[in-house]
């Protein structure tokens, strides 16, 4: 069942857990994630970056692929198809028109006034079509689609302004997490995280979930995080299994090569979901 993210994230906020957001990169990964989440009978958010959408053929191709899998695999759980880090109104509009049910507009590189202006334009277009909107404030650093940047932490007063003036459905405040792999121990600002959660009605999102120790993930959820994004960790788990398979065989069939990482992805999806949702 394809849904937007609003209700599933509000339930997570009410009941203090986090919904997993897993980035997809191809048909196989999407299939593995959907099958595992169906077996767990828990909602999932499928994240698609602009780079991944381009790789897979475009937003319409991705949307039709996901809808086809939901039908053919008899998926009954709530599934949200979400743009991860949409960089412009045009990108978000294209995804919405293609059938995505949720978008993230990341205008965090702009000054606050411009971030609000761009985000509000996306919200106005999305909400009229039943699509939920996530926004970012501060800047979440690390490596995303081969672009490296530093982190700038969010401030409570700016978070309040962004939410109140745009009517977004969820907020990703930069509070020390990074995309990709961490160099050393993550340094999350739990104090500000809790203050933001307590002063806002919308659910909070943690980007850069890969590499954060379990005890910090649990602390983040207790401080108000209701959606956690995982991408790199799935990539590493899949890579390690596929590399081992290729080195041990003379396989050349791409179906066998790609699917040799299926178990690793499903195990990681189950592990993260059980932790995020307190199962």
Protein backbone atom coordinates (compact mmCIF):
# COMPACT_ATOMS: atom_id res chain seq x y z
CA UNK A 1 0.00 0.00 0.00
CA UNK A 2 1.60 3.25 -1.17
CA UNK A 3 1.17 6.09 1.36
CA UNK A 4 2.77 9.39 2.24
CA UNK A 5 4.93 9.64 5.36
CA UNK A 6 2.75 11.90 7.51
CA UNK A 7 0.60 9.43 9.44
CA UNK A 8 3.26 6.74 9.89
CA UNK A 9 5.72 9.31 11.26
CA UNK A 10 3.14 10.92 13.54
CA UNK A 11 2.44 7.47 15.00
CA UNK A 12 6.17 7.05 15.54
CA UNK A 13 6.28 10.39 17.37
CA UNK A 14 3.30 9.47 19.55
CA UNK A 15 4.80 6.09 20.46
CA UNK A 16 8.50 7.05 20.55
CA UNK A 17 10.04 4.87 17.87
CA UNK A 18 11.65 5.48 14.48
CA UNK A 19 10.48 4.36 11.04
CA UNK A 20 13.31 3.00 8.90
CA UNK A 21 14.18 4.80 5.67
CA UNK A 22 16.22 2.57 3.34
CA UNK A 23 17.67 3.99 0.15
CA UNK A 24 17.08 1.91 -2.97
CA UNK A 25 19.46 1.65 -5.90
CA UNK A 26 17.91 -0.93 -8.22
CA UNK A 27 15.02 -3.35 -8.60
CA UNK A 28 16.69 -6.10 -6.59
CA UNK A 29 17.37 -3.94 -3.54
CA UNK A 30 13.80 -2.65 -3.62
CA UNK A 31 12.46 -6.20 -3.80
CA UNK A 32 14.63 -7.41 -0.91
CA UNK A 33 13.63 -4.50 1.35
CA UNK A 34 9.93 -4.88 0.59
CA UNK A 35 9.98 -8.64 1.17
CA UNK A 36 11.78 -8.32 4.51
CA UNK A 37 9.58 -5.48 5.75
CA UNK A 38 6.47 -7.41 4.70
CA UNK A 39 7.67 -10.37 6.75
CA UNK A 40 8.13 -8.03 9.73
CA UNK A 41 4.75 -6.38 9.03
CA UNK A 42 6.16 -2.90 9.60
CA UNK A 43 5.95 0.29 7.50
CA UNK A 44 8.96 1.39 5.47
CA UNK A 45 10.15 4.47 3.62
CA UNK A 46 11.98 3.83 0.35
CA UNK A 47 14.41 6.68 -0.25
CA UNK A 48 15.57 7.68 -3.73
CA UNK A 49 18.32 10.24 -4.22
CA UNK A 50 18.51 12.27 -7.40
CA UNK A 51 21.58 10.28 -8.38
CA UNK A 52 19.84 6.95 -7.80
CA UNK A 53 16.77 8.09 -9.74
CA UNK A 54 18.95 9.05 -12.68
CA UNK A 55 20.82 5.74 -12.49
CA UNK A 56 17.56 3.76 -12.55
CA UNK A 57 16.16 5.71 -15.50
CA UNK A 58 14.19 8.53 -13.89
CA UNK A 59 11.47 9.19 -11.32
CA UNK A 60 8.69 7.71 -13.45
CA UNK A 61 10.64 4.49 -13.97
CA UNK A 62 11.28 4.19 -10.23
CA UNK A 63 7.66 4.94 -9.36
CA UNK A 64 6.32 2.34 -11.79
CA UNK A 65 8.89 -0.21 -10.61
CA UNK A 66 7.84 0.20 -6.97
CA UNK A 67 4.13 0.07 -7.81
CA UNK A 68 4.69 -3.07 -9.86
CA UNK A 69 6.57 -4.76 -7.01
CA UNK A 70 3.86 -3.84 -4.50
CA UNK A 71 1.33 -5.55 -6.74
CA UNK A 72 3.31 -8.61 -7.79
CA UNK A 73 4.74 -9.31 -4.33
CA UNK A 74 1.35 -8.74 -2.64
CA UNK A 75 2.80 -6.17 -0.26
CA UNK A 76 0.26 -5.17 2.41
CA UNK A 77 2.33 -2.91 4.67
CA UNK A 78 2.38 0.90 4.33
CA UNK A 79 5.16 1.89 1.91
CA UNK A 80 6.26 5.47 1.33
CA UNK A 81 8.17 6.36 -1.85
CA UNK A 82 10.33 9.32 -0.93
CA UNK A 83 12.76 11.66 -2.68
CA UNK A 84 15.92 11.93 -0.58
CA UNK A 85 17.62 15.36 -0.70
CA UNK A 86 15.70 16.92 -3.56
CA UNK A 87 17.73 20.00 -4.44
CA UNK A 88 15.05 22.13 -6.12
CA UNK A 89 11.34 22.73 -6.55
CA UNK A 90 11.63 21.35 -10.09
CA UNK A 91 13.10 18.06 -8.84
CA UNK A 92 10.36 17.61 -6.25
CA UNK A 93 7.63 18.53 -8.74
CA UNK A 94 8.97 15.98 -11.24
CA UNK A 95 8.91 13.24 -8.59
CA UNK A 96 5.44 14.18 -7.37
CA UNK A 97 4.09 14.18 -10.91
CA UNK A 98 5.68 10.75 -11.42
CA UNK A 99 3.81 9.28 -8.44
CA UNK A 100 6.16 9.69 -5.46
CA UNK A 101 4.22 10.04 -2.21
CA UNK A 102 6.78 12.02 -0.25
CA UNK A 103 9.61 14.42 -1.03
CA UNK A 104 12.48 16.00 0.83
CA UNK A 105 13.37 19.51 -0.28
CA UNK A 106 16.90 20.22 0.88
CA UNK A 107 17.39 23.98 0.62
CA UNK A 108 19.67 23.99 3.67
CA UNK A 109 22.61 25.42 1.70
CA UNK A 110 20.65 28.66 1.32
CA UNK A 111 20.10 31.37 3.97
CA UNK A 112 17.08 30.72 6.21
CA UNK A 113 14.77 33.14 4.38
CA UNK A 114 15.48 31.46 1.05
CA UNK A 115 15.20 27.99 2.59
CA UNK A 116 11.73 28.94 3.86
CA UNK A 117 10.70 30.40 0.49
CA UNK A 118 11.79 27.34 -1.53
CA UNK A 119 10.37 24.88 1.01
CA UNK A 120 7.01 26.64 1.17
CA UNK A 121 6.71 26.48 -2.63
CA UNK A 122 7.28 22.70 -2.53
CA UNK A 123 4.80 22.28 0.36
CA UNK A 124 2.11 24.22 -1.47
CA UNK A 125 2.46 22.01 -4.55
CA UNK A 126 2.84 18.74 -2.64
CA UNK A 127 0.02 19.10 -0.13
CA UNK A 128 -2.52 19.80 -2.83
CA UNK A 129 -1.64 16.35 -4.21
CA UNK A 130 -1.56 14.46 -0.91
CA UNK A 131 2.24 14.30 -0.82
CA UNK A 132 4.21 14.81 2.41
CA UNK A 133 7.26 17.06 2.66
CA UNK A 134 10.47 16.82 4.68
CA UNK A 135 12.90 19.75 4.93
CA UNK A 136 16.42 20.19 6.27
CA UNK A 137 17.90 22.96 8.38
CA UNK A 138 21.51 23.40 9.31
CA UNK A 139 23.58 21.20 7.03
CA UNK A 140 24.27 17.47 7.33
CA UNK A 141 27.82 16.90 6.18
CA UNK A 142 29.77 13.92 4.85
CA UNK A 143 29.69 12.43 1.36
CA UNK A 144 26.47 12.29 -0.68
CA UNK A 145 26.57 11.36 -4.38
CA UNK A 146 30.36 11.96 -4.33
CA UNK A 147 30.04 15.51 -2.96
CA UNK A 148 31.82 16.14 0.35
CA UNK A 149 30.63 18.85 2.74
CA UNK A 150 30.89 19.85 6.40
CA UNK A 151 28.17 19.87 9.06
CA UNK A 152 26.48 23.03 10.35
CA UNK A 153 24.21 22.32 13.33
CA UNK A 154 20.60 23.49 13.45
CA UNK A 155 19.30 26.05 15.94
CA UNK A 156 15.99 25.76 17.79
CA UNK A 157 14.71 29.20 16.82
CA UNK A 158 15.38 28.58 13.13
CA UNK A 159 13.72 25.16 13.29
CA UNK A 160 10.59 26.73 14.78
CA UNK A 161 10.49 29.38 12.05
CA UNK A 162 10.94 26.86 9.24
CA UNK A 163 8.16 24.59 10.52
CA UNK A 164 5.68 27.36 11.34
CA UNK A 165 6.19 29.29 8.10
CA UNK A 166 6.17 26.34 5.69
CA UNK A 167 3.81 23.72 7.23
CA UNK A 168 6.23 20.85 6.49
CA UNK A 169 5.40 17.34 7.71
CA UNK A 170 8.83 16.37 9.07
CA UNK A 171 12.15 18.07 9.76
CA UNK A 172 15.76 16.92 9.42
CA UNK A 173 17.81 19.16 11.74
CA UNK A 174 21.57 18.84 11.34
CA UNK A 175 22.85 17.84 14.76
CA UNK A 176 26.19 16.15 14.22
CA UNK A 177 25.41 13.23 11.90
CA UNK A 178 27.08 12.84 8.49
CA UNK A 179 26.40 10.99 5.27
CA UNK A 180 28.66 8.04 4.49
CA UNK A 181 31.25 6.70 6.92
CA UNK A 182 32.28 8.46 10.12
CA UNK A 183 35.86 9.36 10.91
CA UNK A 184 35.94 8.56 14.60
CA UNK A 185 32.97 8.49 17.00
CA UNK A 186 29.80 10.35 15.94
CA UNK A 187 29.13 13.45 18.02
CA UNK A 188 25.37 13.99 18.10
CA UNK A 189 23.88 16.97 19.93
CA UNK A 190 21.23 15.16 21.96
CA UNK A 191 20.42 18.19 24.12
CA UNK A 192 19.39 20.34 21.15
CA UNK A 193 17.70 17.36 19.54
CA UNK A 194 15.44 16.92 22.56
CA UNK A 195 14.72 20.66 22.77
CA UNK A 196 13.70 20.78 19.12
CA UNK A 197 11.46 17.72 19.47
CA UNK A 198 9.75 19.10 22.57
CA UNK A 199 9.05 22.44 20.88
CA UNK A 200 7.78 21.13 17.53
CA UNK A 201 4.73 19.08 16.61
CA UNK A 202 6.37 17.48 13.57
CA UNK A 203 8.50 14.31 13.64
CA UNK A 204 12.29 14.63 13.41
CA UNK A 205 14.55 12.83 10.93
CA UNK A 206 18.11 11.59 11.46
CA UNK A 207 20.17 11.42 8.29
CA UNK A 208 23.47 9.56 8.16
CA UNK A 209 22.36 6.63 10.31
CA UNK A 210 25.18 4.35 9.12
CA UNK A 211 27.97 3.97 11.64
CA UNK A 212 26.15 5.49 14.62
CA UNK A 213 26.54 3.10 17.60
CA UNK A 214 23.38 1.38 18.76
CA UNK A 215 23.39 3.17 22.10
CA UNK A 216 23.44 6.55 20.33
CA UNK A 217 20.62 5.47 17.99
CA UNK A 218 18.52 4.53 21.02
CA UNK A 219 19.37 7.84 22.69
CA UNK A 220 18.38 9.74 19.53
CA UNK A 221 15.00 7.99 19.45
CA UNK A 222 14.44 8.83 23.12
CA UNK A 223 15.26 12.47 22.23
CA UNK A 224 12.59 12.63 19.53
CA UNK A 225 13.97 11.10 16.32
CA UNK A 226 11.17 9.33 14.39
CA UNK A 227 12.79 8.49 11.05
CA UNK A 228 16.32 7.20 10.47
CA UNK A 229 17.97 7.04 7.05
CA UNK A 230 20.20 4.10 6.15
CA UNK A 231 22.07 3.78 2.85
CA UNK A 232 25.82 3.20 3.19
CA UNK A 233 25.37 0.33 5.65
CA UNK A 234 23.28 -1.60 3.12
CA UNK A 235 25.84 -0.88 0.41
CA UNK A 236 28.69 -2.23 2.54
CA UNK A 237 26.78 -5.36 3.59
CA UNK A 238 25.83 -6.10 -0.04
CA UNK A 239 29.35 -5.39 -1.34
CA UNK A 240 31.06 -7.67 1.14
CA UNK A 241 28.82 -10.64 0.33
CA UNK A 242 28.96 -10.13 -3.45
CA UNK A 243 32.74 -9.72 -3.41
CA UNK A 244 33.09 -12.96 -1.46
CA UNK A 245 30.76 -14.75 -3.90
CA UNK A 246 32.60 -13.50 -6.98
CA UNK A 247 35.98 -14.47 -5.54
CA UNK A 248 34.72 -17.98 -4.74
CA UNK A 249 33.00 -18.72 -8.06
CA UNK A 250 33.23 -18.17 -11.79
CA UNK A 251 29.70 -16.79 -11.95
CA UNK A 252 28.90 -14.35 -14.72
CA UNK A 253 25.09 -14.31 -14.59
CA UNK A 254 24.19 -10.86 -13.18
CA UNK A 255 21.13 -12.34 -11.47
CA UNK A 256 23.31 -14.68 -9.44
CA UNK A 257 25.92 -12.02 -8.72
CA UNK A 258 23.45 -9.39 -7.53
CA UNK A 259 21.29 -11.83 -5.57
CA UNK A 260 24.32 -13.23 -3.72
CA UNK A 261 23.95 -10.15 -1.52
CA UNK A 262 20.22 -10.65 -0.86
CA UNK A 263 20.60 -12.32 2.52
CA UNK A 264 23.03 -9.64 3.73
CA UNK A 265 20.62 -6.84 2.85
CA UNK A 266 17.65 -8.59 4.44
CA UNK A 267 19.61 -9.29 7.62
CA UNK A 268 20.64 -5.65 7.88
CA UNK A 269 17.09 -4.44 7.20
CA UNK A 270 15.74 -6.70 9.93
CA UNK A 271 18.45 -5.67 12.41
CA UNK A 272 17.84 -1.96 11.90
CA UNK A 273 14.05 -2.23 11.93
CA UNK A 274 14.00 -4.20 15.17
CA UNK A 275 16.23 -1.62 16.84
CA UNK A 276 14.46 1.47 15.47
CA UNK A 277 10.98 0.17 16.30
CA UNK A 278 11.83 -1.45 19.67
CA UNK A 279 10.76 -4.93 18.49
